[in-house]
Every structure is written in C-alpha cells, then in structure tokens.
Amino acid sequence: MSGILKVAAIPAAIEFYSSIGFEENPDGSREMILTREKALQFLEAHQLRWRR
C-alpha cells in the first residue's frame, strides 16, 4: 500500500469516514484523506476482529 486515498464525502458520510481514520483536507474542499499510516492502523485493528 502506498500513497493517499481520497474521497469526496457527502456531509452525512463524514462521521463514518472519520471513524475509519480519514481526515478532512485542509484545503477547504469536501475531500477527505486517508494516509498510509492511518490505513494500516485501520487494517491492523480490524484484522484482529476478523480472526476471532
């Protein structure tokens, strides 16, 4: 995995994306960004749940 994942989140979905680790883009757009580090944290946390 490399790079940054971006989504154009509708207002009703911002809370959901935030719970995954996305952060609002500081440039003022409605984009939300998931960094490589945050994506790996999300995957590690949920991988433990899937193994149970």
PDB file of N, CA and C in Angstrom:
ATOM      1  N   MET A   1       0.850  -1.166   0.000  1.00  0.00           N
ATOM      2  CA  MET A   1       0.000   0.000   0.000  1.00  0.00           C
ATOM      3  C   MET A   1       0.897   1.230   0.000  1.00  0.00           C
ATOM      4  N   SER A   2       0.560   2.169  -0.852  1.00  0.00           N
ATOM      5  CA  SER A   2       1.331   3.415  -0.865  1.00  0.00           C
ATOM      6  C   SER A   2       0.425   4.566  -1.259  1.00  0.00           C
ATOM      7  N   GLY A   3       0.844   5.756  -0.951  1.00  0.00           N
ATOM      8  CA  GLY A   3       0.081   6.930  -1.334  1.00  0.00           C
ATOM      9  C   GLY A   3      -1.014   7.282  -0.355  1.00  0.00           C
ATOM     10  N   ILE A   4      -1.925   8.100  -0.845  1.00  0.00           N
ATOM     11  CA  ILE A   4      -3.034   8.618  -0.040  1.00  0.00           C
ATOM     12  C   ILE A   4      -4.335   8.286  -0.749  1.00  0.00           C
ATOM     13  N   LEU A   5      -5.317   7.864   0.000  1.00  0.00           N
ATOM     14  CA  LEU A   5      -6.647   7.596  -0.536  1.00  0.00           C
ATOM     15  C   LEU A   5      -7.516   8.814  -0.255  1.00  0.00           C
ATOM     16  N   LYS A   6      -8.215   9.293  -1.290  1.00  0.00           N
ATOM     17  CA  LYS A   6      -9.083  10.461  -1.137  1.00  0.00           C
ATOM     18  C   LYS A   6     -10.512  10.079  -1.508  1.00  0.00           C
ATOM     19  N   VAL A   7     -11.461  10.664  -0.783  1.00  0.00           N
ATOM     20  CA  VAL A   7     -12.877  10.507  -1.121  1.00  0.00           C
ATOM     21  C   VAL A   7     -13.526  11.888  -1.097  1.00  0.00           C
ATOM     22  N   ALA A   8     -14.550  12.043  -1.898  1.00  0.00           N
ATOM     23  CA  ALA A   8     -15.381  13.242  -1.863  1.00  0.00           C
ATOM     24  C   ALA A   8     -16.609  12.873  -1.045  1.00  0.00           C
ATOM     25  N   ALA A   9     -16.555  13.131   0.239  1.00  0.00           N
ATOM     26  CA  ALA A   9     -17.594  12.682   1.171  1.00  0.00           C
ATOM     27  C   ALA A   9     -18.775  13.634   1.200  1.00  0.00           C
ATOM     28  N   ILE A  10     -19.964  13.052   1.164  1.00  0.00           N
ATOM     29  CA  ILE A  10     -21.159  13.867   1.383  1.00  0.00           C
ATOM     30  C   ILE A  10     -21.251  14.142   2.879  1.00  0.00           C
ATOM     31  N   PRO A  11     -21.889  15.224   3.286  1.00  0.00           N
ATOM     32  CA  PRO A  11     -21.935  15.574   4.709  1.00  0.00           C
ATOM     33  C   PRO A  11     -22.411  14.438   5.616  1.00  0.00           C
ATOM     34  N   ALA A  12     -23.368  13.655   5.170  1.00  0.00           N
ATOM     35  CA  ALA A  12     -23.894  12.567   6.004  1.00  0.00           C
ATOM     36  C   ALA A  12     -22.879  11.447   6.209  1.00  0.00           C
ATOM     37  N   ALA A  13     -21.834  11.383   5.394  1.00  0.00           N
ATOM     38  CA  ALA A  13     -20.855  10.301   5.487  1.00  0.00           C
ATOM     39  C   ALA A  13     -19.561  10.707   6.203  1.00  0.00           C
ATOM     40  N   ILE A  14     -19.427  11.970   6.526  1.00  0.00           N
ATOM     41  CA  ILE A  14     -18.181  12.452   7.137  1.00  0.00           C
ATOM     42  C   ILE A  14     -17.888  11.732   8.448  1.00  0.00           C
ATOM     43  N   GLU A  15     -18.885  11.528   9.278  1.00  0.00           N
ATOM     44  CA  GLU A  15     -18.668  10.839  10.558  1.00  0.00           C
ATOM     45  C   GLU A  15     -18.169   9.407  10.330  1.00  0.00           C
ATOM     46  N   PHE A  16     -18.740   8.717   9.352  1.00  0.00           N
ATOM     47  CA  PHE A  16     -18.312   7.354   9.036  1.00  0.00           C
ATOM     48  C   PHE A  16     -16.851   7.338   8.595  1.00  0.00           C
ATOM     49  N   TYR A  17     -16.495   8.196   7.641  1.00  0.00           N
ATOM     50  CA  TYR A  17     -15.121   8.223   7.166  1.00  0.00           C
ATOM     51  C   TYR A  17     -14.152   8.626   8.278  1.00  0.00           C
ATOM     52  N   SER A  18     -14.560   9.537   9.139  1.00  0.00           N
ATOM     53  CA  SER A  18     -13.714   9.934  10.272  1.00  0.00           C
ATOM     54  C   SER A  18     -13.454   8.754  11.203  1.00  0.00           C
ATOM     55  N   SER A  19     -14.454   7.900  11.384  1.00  0.00           N
ATOM     56  CA  SER A  19     -14.284   6.750  12.275  1.00  0.00           C
ATOM     57  C   SER A  19     -13.275   5.754  11.729  1.00  0.00           C
ATOM     58  N   ILE A  20     -13.072   5.753  10.432  1.00  0.00           N
ATOM     59  CA  ILE A  20     -12.086   4.864   9.813  1.00  0.00           C
ATOM     60  C   ILE A  20     -10.682   5.450   9.922  1.00  0.00           C
ATOM     61  N   GLY A  21     -10.598   6.775  10.013  1.00  0.00           N
ATOM     62  CA  GLY A  21      -9.293   7.419  10.099  1.00  0.00           C
ATOM     63  C   GLY A  21      -9.073   8.502   9.062  1.00  0.00           C
ATOM     64  N   PHE A  22     -10.077   8.725   8.218  1.00  0.00           N
ATOM     65  CA  PHE A  22      -9.960   9.799   7.234  1.00  0.00           C
ATOM     66  C   PHE A  22      -9.952  11.135   7.959  1.00  0.00           C
ATOM     67  N   GLU A  23      -9.252  12.106   7.377  1.00  0.00           N
ATOM     68  CA  GLU A  23      -9.224  13.460   7.906  1.00  0.00           C
ATOM     69  C   GLU A  23      -9.656  14.409   6.806  1.00  0.00           C
ATOM     70  N   GLU A  24     -10.318  15.492   7.189  1.00  0.00           N
ATOM     71  CA  GLU A  24     -10.740  16.468   6.192  1.00  0.00           C
ATOM     72  C   GLU A  24      -9.513  17.148   5.604  1.00  0.00           C
ATOM     73  N   ASN A  25      -9.540  17.344   4.291  1.00  0.00           N
ATOM     74  CA  ASN A  25      -8.450  18.002   3.601  1.00  0.00           C
ATOM     75  C   ASN A  25      -8.410  19.462   4.031  1.00  0.00           C
ATOM     76  N   PRO A  26      -7.254  19.943   4.476  1.00  0.00           N
ATOM     77  CA  PRO A  26      -7.181  21.319   4.972  1.00  0.00           C
ATOM     78  C   PRO A  26      -7.331  22.383   3.890  1.00  0.00           C
ATOM     79  N   ASP A  27      -7.409  21.986   2.611  1.00  0.00           N
ATOM     80  CA  ASP A  27      -7.523  22.991   1.553  1.00  0.00           C
ATOM     81  C   ASP A  27      -8.942  23.533   1.386  1.00  0.00           C
ATOM     82  N   GLY A  28      -9.891  23.049   2.212  1.00  0.00           N
ATOM     83  CA  GLY A  28     -11.243  23.577   2.185  1.00  0.00           C
ATOM     84  C   GLY A  28     -12.199  22.826   1.284  1.00  0.00           C
ATOM     85  N   SER A  29     -11.720  21.864   0.535  1.00  0.00           N
ATOM     86  CA  SER A  29     -12.611  21.074  -0.305  1.00  0.00           C
ATOM     87  C   SER A  29     -13.376  20.083   0.566  1.00  0.00           C
ATOM     88  N   ARG A  30     -14.313  19.361  -0.029  1.00  0.00           N
ATOM     89  CA  ARG A  30     -15.038  18.351   0.741  1.00  0.00           C
ATOM     90  C   ARG A  30     -14.302  17.019   0.690  1.00  0.00           C
ATOM     91  N   GLU A  31     -13.069  17.047   0.254  1.00  0.00           N
ATOM     92  CA  GLU A  31     -12.270  15.830   0.201  1.00  0.00           C
ATOM     93  C   GLU A  31     -11.886  15.384   1.600  1.00  0.00           C
ATOM     94  N   MET A  32     -11.808  14.071   1.741  1.00  0.00           N
ATOM     95  CA  MET A  32     -11.267  13.503   2.971  1.00  0.00           C
ATOM     96  C   MET A  32     -10.108  12.617   2.563  1.00  0.00           C
ATOM     97  N   ILE A  33      -9.078  12.591   3.391  1.00  0.00           N
ATOM     98  CA  ILE A  33      -7.835  11.911   3.062  1.00  0.00           C
ATOM     99  C   ILE A  33      -7.546  10.817   4.084  1.00  0.00           C
ATOM    100  N   LEU A  34      -7.118   9.668   3.585  1.00  0.00           N
ATOM    101  CA  LEU A  34      -6.654   8.575   4.443  1.00  0.00           C
ATOM    102  C   LEU A  34      -5.192   8.335   4.110  1.00  0.00           C
ATOM    103  N   THR A  35      -4.326   8.606   5.076  1.00  0.00           N
ATOM    104  CA  THR A  35      -2.900   8.414   4.852  1.00  0.00           C
ATOM    105  C   THR A  35      -2.550   6.931   4.938  1.00  0.00           C
ATOM    106  N   ARG A  36      -1.389   6.601   4.470  1.00  0.00           N
ATOM    107  CA  ARG A  36      -0.911   5.214   4.525  1.00  0.00           C
ATOM    108  C   ARG A  36      -0.892   4.714   5.961  1.00  0.00           C
ATOM    109  N   GLU A  37      -0.397   5.542   6.869  1.00  0.00           N
ATOM    110  CA  GLU A  37      -0.294   5.150   8.271  1.00  0.00           C
ATOM    111  C   GLU A  37      -1.666   4.873   8.883  1.00  0.00           C
ATOM    112  N   LYS A  38      -2.619   5.751   8.615  1.00  0.00           N
ATOM    113  CA  LYS A  38      -3.977   5.565   9.153  1.00  0.00           C
ATOM    114  C   LYS A  38      -4.638   4.335   8.549  1.00  0.00           C
ATOM    115  N   ALA A  39      -4.395   4.081   7.266  1.00  0.00           N
ATOM    116  CA  ALA A  39      -4.962   2.897   6.611  1.00  0.00           C
ATOM    117  C   ALA A  39      -4.408   1.624   7.244  1.00  0.00           C
ATOM    118  N   LEU A  40      -3.117   1.595   7.511  1.00  0.00           N
ATOM    119  CA  LEU A  40      -2.514   0.416   8.140  1.00  0.00           C
ATOM    120  C   LEU A  40      -3.052   0.215   9.553  1.00  0.00           C
ATOM    121  N   GLN A  41      -3.252   1.297  10.294  1.00  0.00           N
ATOM    122  CA  GLN A  41      -3.824   1.194  11.639  1.00  0.00           C
ATOM    123  C   GLN A  41      -5.223   0.601  11.574  1.00  0.00           C
ATOM    124  N   PHE A  42      -6.024   1.058  10.622  1.00  0.00           N
ATOM    125  CA  PHE A  42      -7.379   0.543  10.457  1.00  0.00           C
ATOM    126  C   PHE A  42      -7.346  -0.945  10.125  1.00  0.00           C
ATOM    127  N   LEU A  43      -6.505  -1.326   9.190  1.00  0.00           N
ATOM    128  CA  LEU A  43      -6.425  -2.730   8.795  1.00  0.00           C
ATOM    129  C   LEU A  43      -5.959  -3.628   9.936  1.00  0.00           C
ATOM    130  N   GLU A  44      -4.968  -3.181  10.686  1.00  0.00           N
ATOM    131  CA  GLU A  44      -4.478  -3.971  11.821  1.00  0.00           C
ATOM    132  C   GLU A  44      -5.571  -4.148  12.873  1.00  0.00           C
ATOM    133  N   ALA A  45      -6.284  -3.090  13.183  1.00  0.00           N
ATOM    134  CA  ALA A  45      -7.344  -3.160  14.195  1.00  0.00           C
ATOM    135  C   ALA A  45      -8.452  -4.105  13.767  1.00  0.00           C
ATOM    136  N   HIS A  46      -8.823  -4.073  12.503  1.00  0.00           N
ATOM    137  CA  HIS A  46      -9.931  -4.899  12.037  1.00  0.00           C
ATOM    138  C   HIS A  46      -9.502  -6.310  11.695  1.00  0.00           C
ATOM    139  N   GLN A  47      -8.254  -6.515  11.417  1.00  0.00           N
ATOM    140  CA  GLN A  47      -7.750  -7.862  11.153  1.00  0.00           C
ATOM    141  C   GLN A  47      -7.898  -8.729  12.410  1.00  0.00           C
ATOM    142  N   LEU A  48      -7.671  -8.138  13.569  1.00  0.00           N
ATOM    143  CA  LEU A  48      -7.829  -8.880  14.816  1.00  0.00           C
ATOM    144  C   LEU A  48      -9.279  -9.318  15.003  1.00  0.00           C
ATOM    145  N   ARG A  49     -10.233  -8.464  14.648  1.00  0.00           N
ATOM    146  CA  ARG A  49     -11.656  -8.804  14.775  1.00  0.00           C
ATOM    147  C   ARG A  49     -12.045  -9.941  13.839  1.00  0.00           C
ATOM    148  N   TRP A  50     -11.499  -9.931  12.615  1.00  0.00           N
ATOM    149  CA  TRP A  50     -11.858 -10.928  11.610  1.00  0.00           C
ATOM    150  C   TRP A  50     -11.321 -12.310  11.965  1.00  0.00           C
ATOM    151  N   ARG A  51     -10.249 -12.381  12.745  1.00  0.00           N
ATOM    152  CA  ARG A  51      -9.640 -13.658  13.113  1.00  0.00           C
ATOM    153  C   ARG A  51     -10.399 -14.359  14.221  1.00  0.00           C
ATOM    154  N   ARG A  52     -11.192 -13.625  14.956  1.00  0.00           N
ATOM    155  CA  ARG A  52     -11.907 -14.213  16.108  1.00  0.00           C
ATOM    156  C   ARG A  52     -13.043 -15.066  15.675  1.00  0.00           C
TER     157      ARG A  52
END
